[in-house]
C-alpha cells in the first residue's frame, strides 16, 4: 500500500537522523520493524471491514468502492497521495478505513490535476 511506502520513507529519514539507531540495527531492520506491524494491522482491519465471520457486512460495498477508486489511480499518484496524507494528517493512512481511502483518492486526484 502507498501508506506503507510513505511510512517507509519517513522511517528511513528517522533512521538517518538518529545515529544511536545505527549501533543497534541496520536501516532495513529498523524500517521493517516499523512497517510490518502497520501492514499486518491494516490487512486484519480490511478483512474485518469486508466480513464479520461468514457474512459480508452491509458497508462492505462502500469500502470496496473506495478501495477500487484508490487502486485505479496510477501507482506514482498513489505514493504521492500517501505522502500528502501523511503530511496533512500527521499519520499514515489506514487502508482499512473508508474515510482514509476517500481522502487518499481526493489527494490523488488533486495531484493528478496539478500535473496536467
PDB file of N, CA and C in Angstrom:
ATOM      1  N   UNK A   1       0.837  -1.183   0.000  1.00  0.00           N
ATOM      2  CA  UNK A   1       0.000   0.000   0.000  1.00  0.00           C
ATOM      3  C   UNK A   1       0.879   1.242   0.000  1.00  0.00           C
ATOM      4  N   UNK A   2       0.342   2.277  -0.566  1.00  0.00           N
ATOM      5  CA  UNK A   2       1.088   3.517  -0.646  1.00  0.00           C
ATOM      6  C   UNK A   2       1.327   4.126   0.729  1.00  0.00           C
ATOM      7  N   UNK A   3       0.407   3.894   1.645  1.00  0.00           N
ATOM      8  CA  UNK A   3       0.597   4.407   3.006  1.00  0.00           C
ATOM      9  C   UNK A   3       1.844   3.803   3.620  1.00  0.00           C
ATOM     10  N   UNK A   4       2.046   2.535   3.377  1.00  0.00           N
ATOM     11  CA  UNK A   4       3.237   1.870   3.901  1.00  0.00           C
ATOM     12  C   UNK A   4       4.490   2.430   3.240  1.00  0.00           C
ATOM     13  N   UNK A   5       4.398   2.755   1.956  1.00  0.00           N
ATOM     14  CA  UNK A   5       5.543   3.335   1.265  1.00  0.00           C
ATOM     15  C   UNK A   5       5.894   4.710   1.840  1.00  0.00           C
ATOM     16  N   UNK A   6       4.891   5.511   2.104  1.00  0.00           N
ATOM     17  CA  UNK A   6       5.134   6.829   2.692  1.00  0.00           C
ATOM     18  C   UNK A   6       5.728   6.680   4.095  1.00  0.00           C
ATOM     19  N   UNK A   7       5.202   5.718   4.853  1.00  0.00           N
ATOM     20  CA  UNK A   7       5.711   5.476   6.206  1.00  0.00           C
ATOM     21  C   UNK A   7       7.141   4.940   6.144  1.00  0.00           C
ATOM     22  N   UNK A   8       7.427   4.158   5.103  1.00  0.00           N
ATOM     23  CA  UNK A   8       8.792   3.654   4.920  1.00  0.00           C
ATOM     24  C   UNK A   8       9.766   4.808   4.704  1.00  0.00           C
ATOM     25  N   UNK A   9       9.396   5.751   3.850  1.00  0.00           N
ATOM     26  CA  UNK A   9      10.251   6.912   3.590  1.00  0.00           C
ATOM     27  C   UNK A   9      10.491   7.695   4.880  1.00  0.00           C
ATOM     28  N   UNK A  10       9.422   7.911   5.643  1.00  0.00           N
ATOM     29  CA  UNK A  10       9.551   8.630   6.908  1.00  0.00           C
ATOM     30  C   UNK A  10      10.459   7.863   7.871  1.00  0.00           C
ATOM     31  N   UNK A  11      10.322   6.543   7.898  1.00  0.00           N
ATOM     32  CA  UNK A  11      11.146   5.713   8.780  1.00  0.00           C
ATOM     33  C   UNK A  11      12.611   5.777   8.385  1.00  0.00           C
ATOM     34  N   UNK A  12      12.872   5.773   7.090  1.00  0.00           N
ATOM     35  CA  UNK A  12      14.264   5.875   6.623  1.00  0.00           C
ATOM     36  C   UNK A  12      14.874   7.210   7.036  1.00  0.00           C
ATOM     37  N   UNK A  13      14.091   8.274   6.911  1.00  0.00           N
ATOM     38  CA  UNK A  13      14.571   9.591   7.337  1.00  0.00           C
ATOM     39  C   UNK A  13      14.848   9.611   8.841  1.00  0.00           C
ATOM     40  N   UNK A  14      13.961   8.994   9.607  1.00  0.00           N
ATOM     41  CA  UNK A  14      14.141   8.912  11.052  1.00  0.00           C
ATOM     42  C   UNK A  14      15.421   8.167  11.385  1.00  0.00           C
ATOM     43  N   UNK A  15      15.645   7.063  10.704  1.00  0.00           N
ATOM     44  CA  UNK A  15      16.860   6.263  10.947  1.00  0.00           C
ATOM     45  C   UNK A  15      18.108   7.084  10.633  1.00  0.00           C
ATOM     46  N   UNK A  16      18.090   7.758   9.498  1.00  0.00           N
ATOM     47  CA  UNK A  16      19.268   8.534   9.075  1.00  0.00           C
ATOM     48  C   UNK A  16      19.579   9.678  10.029  1.00  0.00           C
ATOM     49  N   UNK A  17      18.551  10.214  10.665  1.00  0.00           N
ATOM     50  CA  UNK A  17      18.765  11.347  11.570  1.00  0.00           C
ATOM     51  C   UNK A  17      18.991  10.917  13.021  1.00  0.00           C
ATOM     52  N   UNK A  18      19.065   9.605  13.270  1.00  0.00           N
ATOM     53  CA  UNK A  18      19.256   9.103  14.630  1.00  0.00           C
ATOM     54  C   UNK A  18      20.487   8.195  14.700  1.00  0.00           C
ATOM     55  N   UNK A  19      21.664   8.764  14.933  1.00  0.00           N
ATOM     56  CA  UNK A  19      22.895   7.964  14.960  1.00  0.00           C
ATOM     57  C   UNK A  19      22.882   6.839  15.994  1.00  0.00           C
ATOM     58  N   UNK A  20      22.140   7.010  17.078  1.00  0.00           N
ATOM     59  CA  UNK A  20      22.094   5.961  18.101  1.00  0.00           C
ATOM     60  C   UNK A  20      21.465   4.680  17.572  1.00  0.00           C
ATOM     61  N   UNK A  21      20.592   4.791  16.591  1.00  0.00           N
ATOM     62  CA  UNK A  21      19.985   3.606  15.988  1.00  0.00           C
ATOM     63  C   UNK A  21      20.987   2.805  15.159  1.00  0.00           C
ATOM     64  N   UNK A  22      21.966   3.491  14.601  1.00  0.00           N
ATOM     65  CA  UNK A  22      22.955   2.846  13.725  1.00  0.00           C
ATOM     66  C   UNK A  22      23.730   1.759  14.452  1.00  0.00           C
ATOM     67  N   UNK A  23      23.938   1.927  15.746  1.00  0.00           N
ATOM     68  CA  UNK A  23      24.679   0.932  16.532  1.00  0.00           C
ATOM     69  C   UNK A  23      23.818  -0.285  16.871  1.00  0.00           C
ATOM     70  N   UNK A  24      22.514  -0.107  16.842  1.00  0.00           N
ATOM     71  CA  UNK A  24      21.606  -1.169  17.274  1.00  0.00           C
ATOM     72  C   UNK A  24      21.111  -2.057  16.134  1.00  0.00           C
ATOM     73  N   UNK A  25      20.891  -1.460  14.951  1.00  0.00           N
ATOM     74  CA  UNK A  25      20.327  -2.220  13.840  1.00  0.00           C
ATOM     75  C   UNK A  25      20.614  -1.536  12.514  1.00  0.00           C
ATOM     76  N   UNK A  26      20.408  -2.282  11.428  1.00  0.00           N
ATOM     77  CA  UNK A  26      20.578  -1.695  10.102  1.00  0.00           C
ATOM     78  C   UNK A  26      19.350  -0.861   9.762  1.00  0.00           C
ATOM     79  N   UNK A  27      19.487  -0.070   8.736  1.00  0.00           N
ATOM     80  CA  UNK A  27      18.366   0.755   8.289  1.00  0.00           C
ATOM     81  C   UNK A  27      17.177  -0.129   7.900  1.00  0.00           C
ATOM     82  N   UNK A  28      17.451  -1.210   7.162  1.00  0.00           N
ATOM     83  CA  UNK A  28      16.368  -2.091   6.719  1.00  0.00           C
ATOM     84  C   UNK A  28      15.688  -2.777   7.902  1.00  0.00           C
ATOM     85  N   UNK A  29      16.449  -3.180   8.902  1.00  0.00           N
ATOM     86  CA  UNK A  29      15.855  -3.796  10.095  1.00  0.00           C
ATOM     87  C   UNK A  29      14.935  -2.806  10.803  1.00  0.00           C
ATOM     88  N   UNK A  30      15.378  -1.562  10.902  1.00  0.00           N
ATOM     89  CA  UNK A  30      14.566  -0.534  11.543  1.00  0.00           C
ATOM     90  C   UNK A  30      13.275  -0.289  10.766  1.00  0.00           C
ATOM     91  N   UNK A  31      13.400  -0.151   9.451  1.00  0.00           N
ATOM     92  CA  UNK A  31      12.225   0.093   8.608  1.00  0.00           C
ATOM     93  C   UNK A  31      11.259  -1.082   8.714  1.00  0.00           C
ATOM     94  N   UNK A  32      11.771  -2.301   8.610  1.00  0.00           N
ATOM     95  CA  UNK A  32      10.909  -3.482   8.706  1.00  0.00           C
ATOM     96  C   UNK A  32      10.209  -3.558  10.051  1.00  0.00           C
ATOM     97  N   UNK A  33      10.910  -3.187  11.106  1.00  0.00           N
ATOM     98  CA  UNK A  33      10.309  -3.254  12.439  1.00  0.00           C
ATOM     99  C   UNK A  33       9.135  -2.286  12.577  1.00  0.00           C
ATOM    100  N   UNK A  34       9.118  -1.248  11.772  1.00  0.00           N
ATOM    101  CA  UNK A  34       8.025  -0.281  11.824  1.00  0.00           C
ATOM    102  C   UNK A  34       6.925  -0.586  10.807  1.00  0.00           C
ATOM    103  N   UNK A  35       7.301  -1.099   9.655  1.00  0.00           N
ATOM    104  CA  UNK A  35       6.346  -1.310   8.571  1.00  0.00           C
ATOM    105  C   UNK A  35       5.517  -2.584   8.747  1.00  0.00           C
ATOM    106  N   UNK A  36       6.157  -3.672   9.160  1.00  0.00           N
ATOM    107  CA  UNK A  36       5.435  -4.956   9.267  1.00  0.00           C
ATOM    108  C   UNK A  36       4.205  -4.871  10.164  1.00  0.00           C
ATOM    109  N   UNK A  37       4.302  -4.291  11.361  1.00  0.00           N
ATOM    110  CA  UNK A  37       3.087  -4.200  12.197  1.00  0.00           C
ATOM    111  C   UNK A  37       1.994  -3.337  11.550  1.00  0.00           C
ATOM    112  N   UNK A  38       2.389  -2.292  10.857  1.00  0.00           N
ATOM    113  CA  UNK A  38       1.414  -1.429  10.176  1.00  0.00           C
ATOM    114  C   UNK A  38       0.664  -2.221   9.119  1.00  0.00           C
ATOM    115  N   UNK A  39       1.386  -2.943   8.294  1.00  0.00           N
ATOM    116  CA  UNK A  39       0.754  -3.710   7.220  1.00  0.00           C
ATOM    117  C   UNK A  39      -0.130  -4.821   7.787  1.00  0.00           C
ATOM    118  N   UNK A  40       0.371  -5.533   8.780  1.00  0.00           N
ATOM    119  CA  UNK A  40      -0.407  -6.608   9.393  1.00  0.00           C
ATOM    120  C   UNK A  40      -1.716  -6.079   9.972  1.00  0.00           C
ATOM    121  N   UNK A  41      -1.646  -4.976  10.671  1.00  0.00           N
ATOM    122  CA  UNK A  41      -2.839  -4.364  11.262  1.00  0.00           C
ATOM    123  C   UNK A  41      -3.817  -3.935  10.181  1.00  0.00           C
ATOM    124  N   UNK A  42      -3.304  -3.334   9.110  1.00  0.00           N
ATOM    125  CA  UNK A  42      -4.183  -2.870   8.043  1.00  0.00           C
ATOM    126  C   UNK A  42      -4.857  -4.031   7.321  1.00  0.00           C
ATOM    127  N   UNK A  43      -4.143  -5.122   7.130  1.00  0.00           N
ATOM    128  CA  UNK A  43      -4.736  -6.288   6.471  1.00  0.00           C
ATOM    129  C   UNK A  43      -5.848  -6.872   7.332  1.00  0.00           C
ATOM    130  N   UNK A  44      -5.591  -7.018   8.631  1.00  0.00           N
ATOM    131  CA  UNK A  44      -6.619  -7.546   9.528  1.00  0.00           C
ATOM    132  C   UNK A  44      -7.851  -6.642   9.543  1.00  0.00           C
ATOM    133  N   UNK A  45      -7.617  -5.336   9.599  1.00  0.00           N
ATOM    134  CA  UNK A  45      -8.739  -4.393   9.629  1.00  0.00           C
ATOM    135  C   UNK A  45      -9.523  -4.433   8.322  1.00  0.00           C
ATOM    136  N   UNK A  46      -8.822  -4.581   7.200  1.00  0.00           N
ATOM    137  CA  UNK A  46      -9.506  -4.654   5.900  1.00  0.00           C
ATOM    138  C   UNK A  46     -10.379  -5.897   5.827  1.00  0.00           C
ATOM    139  N   UNK A  47      -9.884  -7.006   6.341  1.00  0.00           N
ATOM    140  CA  UNK A  47     -10.675  -8.239   6.342  1.00  0.00           C
ATOM    141  C   UNK A  47     -11.924  -8.082   7.205  1.00  0.00           C
ATOM    142  N   UNK A  48     -11.772  -7.424   8.357  1.00  0.00           N
ATOM    143  CA  UNK A  48     -12.926  -7.197   9.222  1.00  0.00           C
ATOM    144  C   UNK A  48     -13.922  -6.252   8.577  1.00  0.00           C
ATOM    145  N   UNK A  49     -13.407  -5.312   7.785  1.00  0.00           N
ATOM    146  CA  UNK A  49     -14.254  -4.339   7.106  1.00  0.00           C
ATOM    147  C   UNK A  49     -15.186  -5.033   6.121  1.00  0.00           C
ATOM    148  N   UNK A  50     -14.716  -6.108   5.520  1.00  0.00           N
ATOM    149  CA  UNK A  50     -15.492  -6.792   4.491  1.00  0.00           C
ATOM    150  C   UNK A  50     -16.452  -7.831   5.031  1.00  0.00           C
ATOM    151  N   UNK A  51     -16.045  -8.520   6.086  1.00  0.00           N
ATOM    152  CA  UNK A  51     -16.938  -9.550   6.604  1.00  0.00           C
ATOM    153  C   UNK A  51     -16.804  -9.686   8.110  1.00  0.00           C
ATOM    154  N   UNK A  52     -17.839 -10.213   8.683  1.00  0.00           N
ATOM    155  CA  UNK A  52     -17.847 -10.477  10.113  1.00  0.00           C
ATOM    156  C   UNK A  52     -18.126 -11.969  10.263  1.00  0.00           C
ATOM    157  N   UNK A  53     -17.055 -12.726  10.283  1.00  0.00           N
ATOM    158  CA  UNK A  53     -17.222 -14.175  10.298  1.00  0.00           C
ATOM    159  C   UNK A  53     -17.492 -14.674   8.899  1.00  0.00           C
ATOM    160  N   UNK A  54     -18.689 -15.213   8.694  1.00  0.00           N
ATOM    161  CA  UNK A  54     -19.030 -15.779   7.395  1.00  0.00           C
ATOM    162  C   UNK A  54     -19.950 -14.884   6.571  1.00  0.00           C
ATOM    163  N   UNK A  55     -20.410 -13.784   7.141  1.00  0.00           N
ATOM    164  CA  UNK A  55     -21.345 -12.908   6.440  1.00  0.00           C
ATOM    165  C   UNK A  55     -20.642 -11.638   5.979  1.00  0.00           C
ATOM    166  N   UNK A  56     -21.014 -11.170   4.799  1.00  0.00           N
ATOM    167  CA  UNK A  56     -20.476  -9.917   4.272  1.00  0.00           C
ATOM    168  C   UNK A  56     -21.191  -8.773   4.976  1.00  0.00           C
ATOM    169  N   UNK A  57     -20.419  -7.808   5.453  1.00  0.00           N
ATOM    170  CA  UNK A  57     -21.015  -6.662   6.138  1.00  0.00           C
ATOM    171  C   UNK A  57     -21.768  -5.769   5.159  1.00  0.00           C
ATOM    172  N   UNK A  58     -22.727  -5.051   5.680  1.00  0.00           N
ATOM    173  CA  UNK A  58     -23.557  -4.171   4.851  1.00  0.00           C
ATOM    174  C   UNK A  58     -22.751  -3.039   4.234  1.00  0.00           C
ATOM    175  N   UNK A  59     -21.736  -2.535   4.948  1.00  0.00           N
ATOM    176  CA  UNK A  59     -20.962  -1.418   4.421  1.00  0.00           C
ATOM    177  C   UNK A  59     -19.764  -1.878   3.591  1.00  0.00           C
ATOM    178  N   UNK A  60     -19.635  -3.168   3.335  1.00  0.00           N
ATOM    179  CA  UNK A  60     -18.534  -3.678   2.515  1.00  0.00           C
ATOM    180  C   UNK A  60     -18.514  -3.046   1.123  1.00  0.00           C
ATOM    181  N   UNK A  61     -19.677  -2.866   0.460  1.00  0.00           N
ATOM    182  CA  UNK A  61     -19.638  -2.229  -0.866  1.00  0.00           C
ATOM    183  C   UNK A  61     -19.052  -0.812  -0.838  1.00  0.00           C
ATOM    184  N   UNK A  62     -19.290  -0.070   0.223  1.00  0.00           N
ATOM    185  CA  UNK A  62     -18.730   1.284   0.343  1.00  0.00           C
ATOM    186  C   UNK A  62     -17.207   1.200   0.410  1.00  0.00           C
ATOM    187  N   UNK A  63     -16.722   0.267   1.200  1.00  0.00           N
ATOM    188  CA  UNK A  63     -15.278   0.077   1.312  1.00  0.00           C
ATOM    189  C   UNK A  63     -14.689  -0.365  -0.032  1.00  0.00           C
ATOM    190  N   UNK A  64     -15.341  -1.302  -0.681  1.00  0.00           N
ATOM    191  CA  UNK A  64     -14.846  -1.813  -1.964  1.00  0.00           C
ATOM    192  C   UNK A  64     -14.817  -0.694  -3.006  1.00  0.00           C
ATOM    193  N   UNK A  65     -15.833   0.153  -3.014  1.00  0.00           N
ATOM    194  CA  UNK A  65     -15.871   1.278  -3.950  1.00  0.00           C
ATOM    195  C   UNK A  65     -14.705   2.238  -3.699  1.00  0.00           C
ATOM    196  N   UNK A  66     -14.456   2.557  -2.436  1.00  0.00           N
ATOM    197  CA  UNK A  66     -13.354   3.458  -2.094  1.00  0.00           C
ATOM    198  C   UNK A  66     -12.005   2.832  -2.454  1.00  0.00           C
ATOM    199  N   UNK A  67     -11.842   1.554  -2.148  1.00  0.00           N
ATOM    200  CA  UNK A  67     -10.587   0.878  -2.459  1.00  0.00           C
ATOM    201  C   UNK A  67     -10.370   0.795  -3.967  1.00  0.00           C
ATOM    202  N   UNK A  68     -11.428   0.517  -4.708  1.00  0.00           N
ATOM    203  CA  UNK A  68     -11.319   0.439  -6.165  1.00  0.00           C
ATOM    204  C   UNK A  68     -10.928   1.790  -6.756  1.00  0.00           C
ATOM    205  N   UNK A  69     -11.535   2.853  -6.270  1.00  0.00           N
ATOM    206  CA  UNK A  69     -11.194   4.197  -6.753  1.00  0.00           C
ATOM    207  C   UNK A  69      -9.730   4.511  -6.474  1.00  0.00           C
ATOM    208  N   UNK A  70      -9.268   4.115  -5.313  1.00  0.00           N
ATOM    209  CA  UNK A  70      -7.866   4.349  -4.953  1.00  0.00           C
ATOM    210  C   UNK A  70      -6.933   3.519  -5.836  1.00  0.00           C
ATOM    211  N   UNK A  71      -7.251   2.257  -6.028  1.00  0.00           N
ATOM    212  CA  UNK A  71      -6.395   1.367  -6.816  1.00  0.00           C
ATOM    213  C   UNK A  71      -6.361   1.757  -8.290  1.00  0.00           C
ATOM    214  N   UNK A  72      -7.357   2.475  -8.754  1.00  0.00           N
ATOM    215  CA  UNK A  72      -7.381   2.914 -10.157  1.00  0.00           C
ATOM    216  C   UNK A  72      -6.439   4.082 -10.421  1.00  0.00           C
ATOM    217  N   UNK A  73      -5.987   4.732  -9.370  1.00  0.00           N
ATOM    218  CA  UNK A  73      -5.012   5.805  -9.546  1.00  0.00           C
ATOM    219  C   UNK A  73      -3.675   5.189  -9.941  1.00  0.00           C
ATOM    220  N   UNK A  74      -2.903   5.859 -10.776  1.00  0.00           N
ATOM    221  CA  UNK A  74      -1.568   5.341 -11.120  1.00  0.00           C
ATOM    222  C   UNK A  74      -0.710   5.205  -9.862  1.00  0.00           C
ATOM    223  N   UNK A  75       0.194   4.249  -9.861  1.00  0.00           N
ATOM    224  CA  UNK A  75       0.972   3.958  -8.653  1.00  0.00           C
ATOM    225  C   UNK A  75       1.768   5.168  -8.164  1.00  0.00           C
ATOM    226  N   UNK A  76       2.337   5.953  -9.073  1.00  0.00           N
ATOM    227  CA  UNK A  76       3.097   7.124  -8.637  1.00  0.00           C
ATOM    228  C   UNK A  76       2.195   8.157  -7.986  1.00  0.00           C
ATOM    229  N   UNK A  77       0.963   8.259  -8.451  1.00  0.00           N
ATOM    230  CA  UNK A  77      -0.010   9.183  -7.852  1.00  0.00           C
ATOM    231  C   UNK A  77      -0.421   8.672  -6.477  1.00  0.00           C
ATOM    232  N   UNK A  78      -0.597   7.349  -6.334  1.00  0.00           N
ATOM    233  CA  UNK A  78      -0.951   6.778  -5.025  1.00  0.00           C
ATOM    234  C   UNK A  78       0.149   7.053  -4.004  1.00  0.00           C
ATOM    235  N   UNK A  79       1.407   6.898  -4.414  1.00  0.00           N
ATOM    236  CA  UNK A  79       2.518   7.161  -3.496  1.00  0.00           C
ATOM    237  C   UNK A  79       2.515   8.629  -3.079  1.00  0.00           C
ATOM    238  N   UNK A  80       2.306   9.505  -4.041  1.00  0.00           N
ATOM    239  CA  UNK A  80       2.261  10.932  -3.744  1.00  0.00           C
ATOM    240  C   UNK A  80       1.083  11.258  -2.836  1.00  0.00           C
ATOM    241  N   UNK A  81      -0.062  10.635  -3.082  1.00  0.00           N
ATOM    242  CA  UNK A  81      -1.246  10.869  -2.241  1.00  0.00           C
ATOM    243  C   UNK A  81      -0.987  10.401  -0.814  1.00  0.00           C
ATOM    244  N   UNK A  82      -0.308   9.269  -0.672  1.00  0.00           N
ATOM    245  CA  UNK A  82       0.008   8.754   0.668  1.00  0.00           C
ATOM    246  C   UNK A  82       0.953   9.696   1.401  1.00  0.00           C
ATOM    247  N   UNK A  83       1.901  10.258   0.679  1.00  0.00           N
ATOM    248  CA  UNK A  83       2.821  11.225   1.295  1.00  0.00           C
ATOM    249  C   UNK A  83       2.070  12.479   1.716  1.00  0.00           C
ATOM    250  N   UNK A  84       1.173  12.929   0.855  1.00  0.00           N
ATOM    251  CA  UNK A  84       0.360  14.108   1.172  1.00  0.00           C
ATOM    252  C   UNK A  84      -0.516  13.842   2.390  1.00  0.00           C
ATOM    253  N   UNK A  85      -1.106  12.652   2.458  1.00  0.00           N
ATOM    254  CA  UNK A  85      -1.925  12.274   3.605  1.00  0.00           C
ATOM    255  C   UNK A  85      -1.086  12.331   4.874  1.00  0.00           C
ATOM    256  N   UNK A  86       0.104  11.753   4.822  1.00  0.00           N
ATOM    257  CA  UNK A  86       1.000  11.732   5.976  1.00  0.00           C
ATOM    258  C   UNK A  86       1.337  13.149   6.423  1.00  0.00           C
ATOM    259  N   UNK A  87       1.606  14.034   5.477  1.00  0.00           N
ATOM    260  CA  UNK A  87       1.920  15.427   5.812  1.00  0.00           C
ATOM    261  C   UNK A  87       0.723  16.145   6.434  1.00  0.00           C
ATOM    262  N   UNK A  88      -0.442  15.970   5.845  1.00  0.00           N
ATOM    263  CA  UNK A  88      -1.624  16.700   6.308  1.00  0.00           C
ATOM    264  C   UNK A  88      -2.237  16.126   7.585  1.00  0.00           C
ATOM    265  N   UNK A  89      -2.242  14.807   7.688  1.00  0.00           N
ATOM    266  CA  UNK A  89      -2.909  14.152   8.814  1.00  0.00           C
ATOM    267  C   UNK A  89      -1.949  13.803   9.950  1.00  0.00           C
ATOM    268  N   UNK A  90      -0.647  13.817   9.682  1.00  0.00           N
ATOM    269  CA  UNK A  90       0.332  13.508  10.714  1.00  0.00           C
ATOM    270  C   UNK A  90       0.445  12.035  11.059  1.00  0.00           C
ATOM    271  N   UNK A  91      -0.092  11.178  10.191  1.00  0.00           N
ATOM    272  CA  UNK A  91      -0.032   9.730  10.401  1.00  0.00           C
ATOM    273  C   UNK A  91      -0.212   9.056   9.053  1.00  0.00           C
ATOM    274  N   UNK A  92       0.230   7.806   8.948  1.00  0.00           N
ATOM    275  CA  UNK A  92      -0.008   7.090   7.691  1.00  0.00           C
ATOM    276  C   UNK A  92      -1.490   6.784   7.529  1.00  0.00           C
ATOM    277  N   UNK A  93      -1.927   6.703   6.302  1.00  0.00           N
ATOM    278  CA  UNK A  93      -3.327   6.361   6.031  1.00  0.00           C
ATOM    279  C   UNK A  93      -3.586   4.913   6.416  1.00  0.00           C
ATOM    280  N   UNK A  94      -4.783   4.658   6.895  1.00  0.00           N
ATOM    281  CA  UNK A  94      -5.206   3.305   7.246  1.00  0.00           C
ATOM    282  C   UNK A  94      -5.986   2.749   6.058  1.00  0.00           C
ATOM    283  N   UNK A  95      -5.413   1.769   5.388  1.00  0.00           N
ATOM    284  CA  UNK A  95      -6.042   1.196   4.209  1.00  0.00           C
ATOM    285  C   UNK A  95      -7.350   0.500   4.484  1.00  0.00           C
ATOM    286  N   UNK A  96      -7.678   0.270   5.734  1.00  0.00           N
ATOM    287  CA  UNK A  96      -8.935  -0.377   6.089  1.00  0.00           C
ATOM    288  C   UNK A  96     -10.018   0.633   6.454  1.00  0.00           C
ATOM    289  N   UNK A  97      -9.674   1.890   6.461  1.00  0.00           N
ATOM    290  CA  UNK A  97     -10.613   2.937   6.853  1.00  0.00           C
ATOM    291  C   UNK A  97     -11.167   3.625   5.606  1.00  0.00           C
ATOM    292  N   UNK A  98     -12.481   3.625   5.452  1.00  0.00           N
ATOM    293  CA  UNK A  98     -13.121   4.198   4.276  1.00  0.00           C
ATOM    294  C   UNK A  98     -12.819   5.690   4.158  1.00  0.00           C
ATOM    295  N   UNK A  99     -12.835   6.397   5.267  1.00  0.00           N
ATOM    296  CA  UNK A  99     -12.543   7.834   5.231  1.00  0.00           C
ATOM    297  C   UNK A  99     -11.121   8.098   4.758  1.00  0.00           C
ATOM    298  N   UNK A 100     -10.164   7.315   5.258  1.00  0.00           N
ATOM    299  CA  UNK A 100      -8.777   7.484   4.830  1.00  0.00           C
ATOM    300  C   UNK A 100      -8.631   7.192   3.337  1.00  0.00           C
ATOM    301  N   UNK A 101      -9.281   6.142   2.875  1.00  0.00           N
ATOM    302  CA  UNK A 101      -9.229   5.820   1.443  1.00  0.00           C
ATOM    303  C   UNK A 101      -9.829   6.949   0.612  1.00  0.00           C
ATOM    304  N   UNK A 102     -10.924   7.507   1.079  1.00  0.00           N
ATOM    305  CA  UNK A 102     -11.562   8.613   0.360  1.00  0.00           C
ATOM    306  C   UNK A 102     -10.645   9.825   0.290  1.00  0.00           C
ATOM    307  N   UNK A 103      -9.958  10.112   1.394  1.00  0.00           N
ATOM    308  CA  UNK A 103      -9.009  11.227   1.390  1.00  0.00           C
ATOM    309  C   UNK A 103      -7.844  10.947   0.450  1.00  0.00           C
ATOM    310  N   UNK A 104      -7.369   9.711   0.437  1.00  0.00           N
ATOM    311  CA  UNK A 104      -6.286   9.348  -0.479  1.00  0.00           C
ATOM    312  C   UNK A 104      -6.709   9.564  -1.932  1.00  0.00           C
ATOM    313  N   UNK A 105      -7.946   9.195  -2.250  1.00  0.00           N
ATOM    314  CA  UNK A 105      -8.449   9.397  -3.605  1.00  0.00           C
ATOM    315  C   UNK A 105      -8.510  10.887  -3.919  1.00  0.00           C
ATOM    316  N   UNK A 106      -9.003  11.690  -2.975  1.00  0.00           N
ATOM    317  CA  UNK A 106      -9.065  13.138  -3.172  1.00  0.00           C
ATOM    318  C   UNK A 106      -7.676  13.713  -3.413  1.00  0.00           C
ATOM    319  N   UNK A 107      -6.717  13.347  -2.554  1.00  0.00           N
ATOM    320  CA  UNK A 107      -5.349  13.840  -2.707  1.00  0.00           C
ATOM    321  C   UNK A 107      -4.759  13.385  -4.029  1.00  0.00           C
ATOM    322  N   UNK A 108      -5.029  12.140  -4.398  1.00  0.00           N
ATOM    323  CA  UNK A 108      -4.517  11.607  -5.657  1.00  0.00           C
ATOM    324  C   UNK A 108      -5.066  12.356  -6.858  1.00  0.00           C
ATOM    325  N   UNK A 109      -6.357  12.626  -6.837  1.00  0.00           N
ATOM    326  CA  UNK A 109      -6.970  13.367  -7.945  1.00  0.00           C
ATOM    327  C   UNK A 109      -6.419  14.785  -8.018  1.00  0.00           C
ATOM    328  N   UNK A 110      -6.201  15.397  -6.864  1.00  0.00           N
ATOM    329  CA  UNK A 110      -5.634  16.751  -6.839  1.00  0.00           C
ATOM    330  C   UNK A 110      -4.208  16.745  -7.393  1.00  0.00           C
ATOM    331  N   UNK A 111      -3.436  15.736  -7.026  1.00  0.00           N
ATOM    332  CA  UNK A 111      -2.061  15.624  -7.532  1.00  0.00           C
ATOM    333  C   UNK A 111      -2.086  15.447  -9.045  1.00  0.00           C
ATOM    334  N   UNK A 112      -2.954  14.581  -9.517  1.00  0.00           N
ATOM    335  CA  UNK A 112      -3.036  14.316 -10.954  1.00  0.00           C
ATOM    336  C   UNK A 112      -3.426  15.576 -11.713  1.00  0.00           C
ATOM    337  N   UNK A 113      -4.375  16.341 -11.170  1.00  0.00           N
ATOM    338  CA  UNK A 113      -4.797  17.597 -11.816  1.00  0.00           C
ATOM    339  C   UNK A 113      -3.674  18.636 -11.820  1.00  0.00           C
ATOM    340  N   UNK A 114      -2.913  18.667 -10.738  1.00  0.00           N
ATOM    341  CA  UNK A 114      -1.826  19.648 -10.623  1.00  0.00           C
ATOM    342  C   UNK A 114      -0.736  19.424 -11.675  1.00  0.00           C
ATOM    343  N   UNK A 115      -0.559  18.188 -12.099  1.00  0.00           N
ATOM    344  CA  UNK A 115       0.484  17.867 -13.056  1.00  0.00           C
ATOM    345  C   UNK A 115       0.020  17.894 -14.500  1.00  0.00           C
ATOM    346  N   UNK A 116      -1.242  18.229 -14.725  1.00  0.00           N
ATOM    347  CA  UNK A 116      -1.757  18.307 -16.107  1.00  0.00           C
ATOM    348  C   UNK A 116      -1.353  19.588 -16.764  1.00  0.00           C
TER     349      UNK A 116
END
